Amino acid sequence: MSTEFTARAFSKTAYKQNDSKAKKLLIEFLKANGHVIKNASENFNHDLVSAKDSHLFFWEVEIKIGYKFTDIDSYQFSTVSFLGRKKRLHHIKPFFYVIICKETKHALMCHSTDIFLNEYREEITVNTAERNGNDEVYHVPKTKCKFFNLNL
């Protein structure tokens, strides 16, 4: 088991291109569904914190490009790949992990308590223009995820 994941290097370019867009889409959706946004500022922890019915909800959000989906049937894989580097946030406060399809503005989500299980963990080798090296991912069956439409 590798302990160093070299493919986890922060990509400032990807962050600048996607972070604010992803947060904006999720914030609009949450507000339309009765949530009050408590924190959306960058603090290197959870992307968003919202409140609804006297409960706090913690959120992590990312955008996927090039893999169009609108629902569980159009999602082309049997599992959803969640980044292992987000596990540290689960230890701070369990959260909902949201993946948005850039092309369709649909999303899927899964709670961190259902993601970061040893049975879903896999070490992979990444070789893309943005990242290269070892990484840890969690491949969760798509049936464990909730698919929803962000288009208001």
C-alpha atoms as a PDB file:
ATOM      1  CA  MET A   1       0.000   0.000   0.000  1.00  0.00           C
ATOM      2  CA  SER A   2       1.448   3.314  -1.078  1.00  0.00           C
ATOM      3  CA  THR A   3       1.484   6.154   1.431  1.00  0.00           C
ATOM      4  CA  GLU A   4       2.525   8.890  -0.951  1.00  0.00           C
ATOM      5  CA  PHE A   5       0.033   9.999  -3.563  1.00  0.00           C
ATOM      6  CA  THR A   6       1.978  12.140  -5.993  1.00  0.00           C
ATOM      7  CA  ALA A   7      -1.011  12.832  -8.280  1.00  0.00           C
ATOM      8  CA  ARG A   8      -2.711  14.920  -5.602  1.00  0.00           C
ATOM      9  CA  ALA A   9      -0.880  18.116  -6.470  1.00  0.00           C
ATOM     10  CA  PHE A  10      -3.193  21.126  -6.402  1.00  0.00           C
ATOM     11  CA  SER A  11      -4.110  22.360  -9.888  1.00  0.00           C
ATOM     12  CA  LYS A  12      -4.614  26.117  -9.717  1.00  0.00           C
ATOM     13  CA  THR A  13      -5.818  26.168 -13.339  1.00  0.00           C
ATOM     14  CA  ALA A  14      -8.557  23.574 -12.774  1.00  0.00           C
ATOM     15  CA  TYR A  15      -9.537  25.285  -9.525  1.00  0.00           C
ATOM     16  CA  LYS A  16      -9.904  28.694 -11.195  1.00  0.00           C
ATOM     17  CA  GLN A  17     -11.907  27.231 -14.089  1.00  0.00           C
ATOM     18  CA  ASN A  18     -14.371  25.191 -12.054  1.00  0.00           C
ATOM     19  CA  ASP A  19     -14.575  25.946  -8.333  1.00  0.00           C
ATOM     20  CA  SER A  20     -16.691  29.108  -8.367  1.00  0.00           C
ATOM     21  CA  LYS A  21     -18.994  27.716 -11.097  1.00  0.00           C
ATOM     22  CA  ALA A  22     -19.604  24.520  -9.157  1.00  0.00           C
ATOM     23  CA  LYS A  23     -20.265  26.369  -5.912  1.00  0.00           C
ATOM     24  CA  LYS A  24     -22.635  28.811  -7.606  1.00  0.00           C
ATOM     25  CA  LEU A  25     -24.709  26.016  -9.152  1.00  0.00           C
ATOM     26  CA  LEU A  26     -24.972  24.133  -5.867  1.00  0.00           C
ATOM     27  CA  ILE A  27     -25.726  27.285  -3.852  1.00  0.00           C
ATOM     28  CA  GLU A  28     -28.595  28.210  -6.198  1.00  0.00           C
ATOM     29  CA  PHE A  29     -29.981  24.676  -5.942  1.00  0.00           C
ATOM     30  CA  LEU A  30     -29.702  24.559  -2.150  1.00  0.00           C
ATOM     31  CA  LYS A  31     -31.360  27.966  -1.704  1.00  0.00           C
ATOM     32  CA  ALA A  32     -34.219  26.909  -3.995  1.00  0.00           C
ATOM     33  CA  ASN A  33     -34.671  23.880  -1.720  1.00  0.00           C
ATOM     34  CA  GLY A  34     -34.888  25.811   1.547  1.00  0.00           C
ATOM     35  CA  HIS A  35     -31.257  25.907   2.636  1.00  0.00           C
ATOM     36  CA  VAL A  36     -29.567  28.982   4.070  1.00  0.00           C
ATOM     37  CA  ILE A  37     -25.902  29.254   3.101  1.00  0.00           C
ATOM     38  CA  LYS A  38     -23.791  29.662   6.235  1.00  0.00           C
ATOM     39  CA  ASN A  39     -20.325  29.583   4.685  1.00  0.00           C
ATOM     40  CA  ALA A  40     -19.075  29.484   1.102  1.00  0.00           C
ATOM     41  CA  SER A  41     -15.710  31.175   1.565  1.00  0.00           C
ATOM     42  CA  GLU A  42     -12.471  29.381   0.751  1.00  0.00           C
ATOM     43  CA  ASN A  43     -10.973  27.994   3.951  1.00  0.00           C
ATOM     44  CA  PHE A  44      -9.412  24.769   2.583  1.00  0.00           C
ATOM     45  CA  ASN A  45     -12.059  22.718   4.333  1.00  0.00           C
ATOM     46  CA  HIS A  46     -15.592  22.023   3.116  1.00  0.00           C
ATOM     47  CA  ASP A  47     -16.693  23.991   0.061  1.00  0.00           C
ATOM     48  CA  LEU A  48     -20.038  24.969   1.572  1.00  0.00           C
ATOM     49  CA  VAL A  49     -21.959  24.844   4.806  1.00  0.00           C
ATOM     50  CA  SER A  50     -25.736  25.225   4.733  1.00  0.00           C
ATOM     51  CA  ALA A  51     -28.547  25.054   7.246  1.00  0.00           C
ATOM     52  CA  LYS A  52     -32.072  23.734   6.912  1.00  0.00           C
ATOM     53  CA  ASP A  53     -34.611  22.783   9.576  1.00  0.00           C
ATOM     54  CA  SER A  54     -32.104  23.530  12.379  1.00  0.00           C
ATOM     55  CA  HIS A  55     -29.506  21.143  10.904  1.00  0.00           C
ATOM     56  CA  LEU A  56     -26.104  22.001   9.430  1.00  0.00           C
ATOM     57  CA  PHE A  57     -25.049  20.360   6.175  1.00  0.00           C
ATOM     58  CA  PHE A  58     -21.480  20.233   4.880  1.00  0.00           C
ATOM     59  CA  TRP A  59     -20.799  20.023   1.146  1.00  0.00           C
ATOM     60  CA  GLU A  60     -17.921  19.273  -1.191  1.00  0.00           C
ATOM     61  CA  VAL A  61     -18.523  19.924  -4.884  1.00  0.00           C
ATOM     62  CA  GLU A  62     -16.674  19.285  -8.128  1.00  0.00           C
ATOM     63  CA  ILE A  63     -17.394  19.456 -11.848  1.00  0.00           C
ATOM     64  CA  LYS A  64     -16.814  16.602 -14.283  1.00  0.00           C
ATOM     65  CA  ILE A  65     -16.246  17.441 -17.923  1.00  0.00           C
ATOM     66  CA  GLY A  66     -16.763  15.076 -20.839  1.00  0.00           C
ATOM     67  CA  TYR A  67     -18.915  12.462 -19.097  1.00  0.00           C
ATOM     68  CA  LYS A  68     -22.490  13.524 -19.806  1.00  0.00           C
ATOM     69  CA  PHE A  69     -25.235  12.258 -17.544  1.00  0.00           C
ATOM     70  CA  THR A  70     -28.686  13.279 -16.385  1.00  0.00           C
ATOM     71  CA  ASP A  71     -29.671  10.291 -14.256  1.00  0.00           C
ATOM     72  CA  ILE A  72     -28.501   6.895 -13.059  1.00  0.00           C
ATOM     73  CA  ASP A  73     -29.341   5.271 -16.407  1.00  0.00           C
ATOM     74  CA  SER A  74     -27.331   7.751 -18.483  1.00  0.00           C
ATOM     75  CA  TYR A  75     -24.331   7.565 -16.141  1.00  0.00           C
ATOM     76  CA  GLN A  76     -22.013   5.384 -18.221  1.00  0.00           C
ATOM     77  CA  PHE A  77     -20.126   3.644 -15.415  1.00  0.00           C
ATOM     78  CA  SER A  78     -21.272   1.158 -12.772  1.00  0.00           C
ATOM     79  CA  THR A  79     -19.347   3.029 -10.066  1.00  0.00           C
ATOM     80  CA  VAL A  80     -18.673   6.664  -9.235  1.00  0.00           C
ATOM     81  CA  SER A  81     -15.078   7.668  -8.545  1.00  0.00           C
ATOM     82  CA  PHE A  82     -14.603   9.925  -5.513  1.00  0.00           C
ATOM     83  CA  LEU A  83     -11.246  11.506  -4.686  1.00  0.00           C
ATOM     84  CA  GLY A  84      -9.416   9.964  -1.746  1.00  0.00           C
ATOM     85  CA  ARG A  85      -7.865  13.295  -0.776  1.00  0.00           C
ATOM     86  CA  LYS A  86     -11.303  14.446   0.383  1.00  0.00           C
ATOM     87  CA  LYS A  87     -11.308  11.807   3.125  1.00  0.00           C
ATOM     88  CA  ARG A  88      -9.562  14.256   5.475  1.00  0.00           C
ATOM     89  CA  LEU A  89     -12.711  16.413   5.334  1.00  0.00           C
ATOM     90  CA  HIS A  90     -14.820  13.467   6.444  1.00  0.00           C
ATOM     91  CA  HIS A  91     -12.713  13.292   9.605  1.00  0.00           C
ATOM     92  CA  ILE A  92     -13.367  16.986  10.237  1.00  0.00           C
ATOM     93  CA  LYS A  93     -17.107  16.724   9.592  1.00  0.00           C
ATOM     94  CA  PRO A  94     -19.001  14.169   7.458  1.00  0.00           C
ATOM     95  CA  PHE A  95     -20.340  15.772   4.280  1.00  0.00           C
ATOM     96  CA  PHE A  96     -22.264  15.379   1.050  1.00  0.00           C
ATOM     97  CA  TYR A  97     -19.958  14.954  -1.952  1.00  0.00           C
ATOM     98  CA  VAL A  98     -21.562  16.386  -5.106  1.00  0.00           C
ATOM     99  CA  ILE A  99     -20.329  15.822  -8.659  1.00  0.00           C
ATOM    100  CA  ILE A 100     -21.834  18.100 -11.303  1.00  0.00           C
ATOM    101  CA  CYS A 101     -21.925  17.304 -15.017  1.00  0.00           C
ATOM    102  CA  LYS A 102     -20.762  20.487 -16.720  1.00  0.00           C
ATOM    103  CA  GLU A 103     -22.586  19.757 -19.965  1.00  0.00           C
ATOM    104  CA  THR A 104     -26.048  18.925 -18.547  1.00  0.00           C
ATOM    105  CA  LYS A 105     -26.071  20.739 -15.167  1.00  0.00           C
ATOM    106  CA  HIS A 106     -27.269  17.535 -13.546  1.00  0.00           C
ATOM    107  CA  ALA A 107     -25.533  16.141 -10.499  1.00  0.00           C
ATOM    108  CA  LEU A 108     -25.056  13.157  -8.279  1.00  0.00           C
ATOM    109  CA  MET A 109     -24.259  13.030  -4.606  1.00  0.00           C
ATOM    110  CA  CYS A 110     -23.277  10.588  -1.933  1.00  0.00           C
ATOM    111  CA  HIS A 111     -22.626  11.066   1.767  1.00  0.00           C
ATOM    112  CA  SER A 112     -19.023  10.674   2.917  1.00  0.00           C
ATOM    113  CA  THR A 113     -20.010   7.943   5.401  1.00  0.00           C
ATOM    114  CA  ASP A 114     -21.035   5.846   2.386  1.00  0.00           C
ATOM    115  CA  ILE A 115     -17.954   6.698   0.312  1.00  0.00           C
ATOM    116  CA  PHE A 116     -14.831   6.229   2.384  1.00  0.00           C
ATOM    117  CA  LEU A 117     -15.117   2.510   3.026  1.00  0.00           C
ATOM    118  CA  ASN A 118     -12.214   0.091   2.552  1.00  0.00           C
ATOM    119  CA  GLU A 119     -14.297  -2.052   0.197  1.00  0.00           C
ATOM    120  CA  TYR A 120     -14.455   0.858  -2.296  1.00  0.00           C
ATOM    121  CA  ARG A 121     -10.844   2.017  -1.949  1.00  0.00           C
ATOM    122  CA  GLU A 122      -8.398   1.641  -4.826  1.00  0.00           C
ATOM    123  CA  GLU A 123      -4.923   2.943  -5.551  1.00  0.00           C
ATOM    124  CA  ILE A 124      -4.524   4.063  -9.142  1.00  0.00           C
ATOM    125  CA  THR A 125      -1.911   5.530 -11.445  1.00  0.00           C
ATOM    126  CA  VAL A 126      -2.890   8.842 -13.037  1.00  0.00           C
ATOM    127  CA  ASN A 127      -1.310  10.117 -16.238  1.00  0.00           C
ATOM    128  CA  THR A 128      -3.091  13.219 -17.551  1.00  0.00           C
ATOM    129  CA  ALA A 129      -2.022  16.695 -18.636  1.00  0.00           C
ATOM    130  CA  GLU A 130      -3.006  18.040 -15.199  1.00  0.00           C
ATOM    131  CA  ARG A 131      -1.866  15.229 -12.879  1.00  0.00           C
ATOM    132  CA  ASN A 132       0.618  12.406 -12.873  1.00  0.00           C
ATOM    133  CA  GLY A 133       1.482   9.697 -10.341  1.00  0.00           C
ATOM    134  CA  ASN A 134      -0.222   7.580  -7.690  1.00  0.00           C
ATOM    135  CA  ASP A 135      -3.569   8.439  -6.187  1.00  0.00           C
ATOM    136  CA  GLU A 136      -6.308   6.975  -4.037  1.00  0.00           C
ATOM    137  CA  VAL A 137      -9.936   6.845  -5.162  1.00  0.00           C
ATOM    138  CA  TYR A 138     -13.135   5.320  -3.865  1.00  0.00           C
ATOM    139  CA  HIS A 139     -15.295   3.547  -6.460  1.00  0.00           C
ATOM    140  CA  VAL A 140     -18.816   3.592  -5.052  1.00  0.00           C
ATOM    141  CA  PRO A 141     -21.644   1.733  -6.837  1.00  0.00           C
ATOM    142  CA  LYS A 142     -23.768   4.313  -8.629  1.00  0.00           C
ATOM    143  CA  THR A 143     -26.839   2.796  -6.971  1.00  0.00           C
ATOM    144  CA  LYS A 144     -25.579   4.285  -3.683  1.00  0.00           C
ATOM    145  CA  CYS A 145     -25.718   7.804  -5.203  1.00  0.00           C
ATOM    146  CA  LYS A 146     -28.632  10.188  -5.611  1.00  0.00           C
ATOM    147  CA  PHE A 147     -28.948  11.769  -9.065  1.00  0.00           C
ATOM    148  CA  PHE A 148     -30.698  15.121  -9.426  1.00  0.00           C
ATOM    149  CA  ASN A 149     -31.294  18.074 -11.730  1.00  0.00           C
ATOM    150  CA  LEU A 150     -29.660  21.404 -10.857  1.00  0.00           C
ATOM    151  CA  ASN A 151     -31.533  23.249 -13.615  1.00  0.00           C
ATOM    152  CA  LEU A 152     -34.038  25.438 -11.796  1.00  0.00           C
END
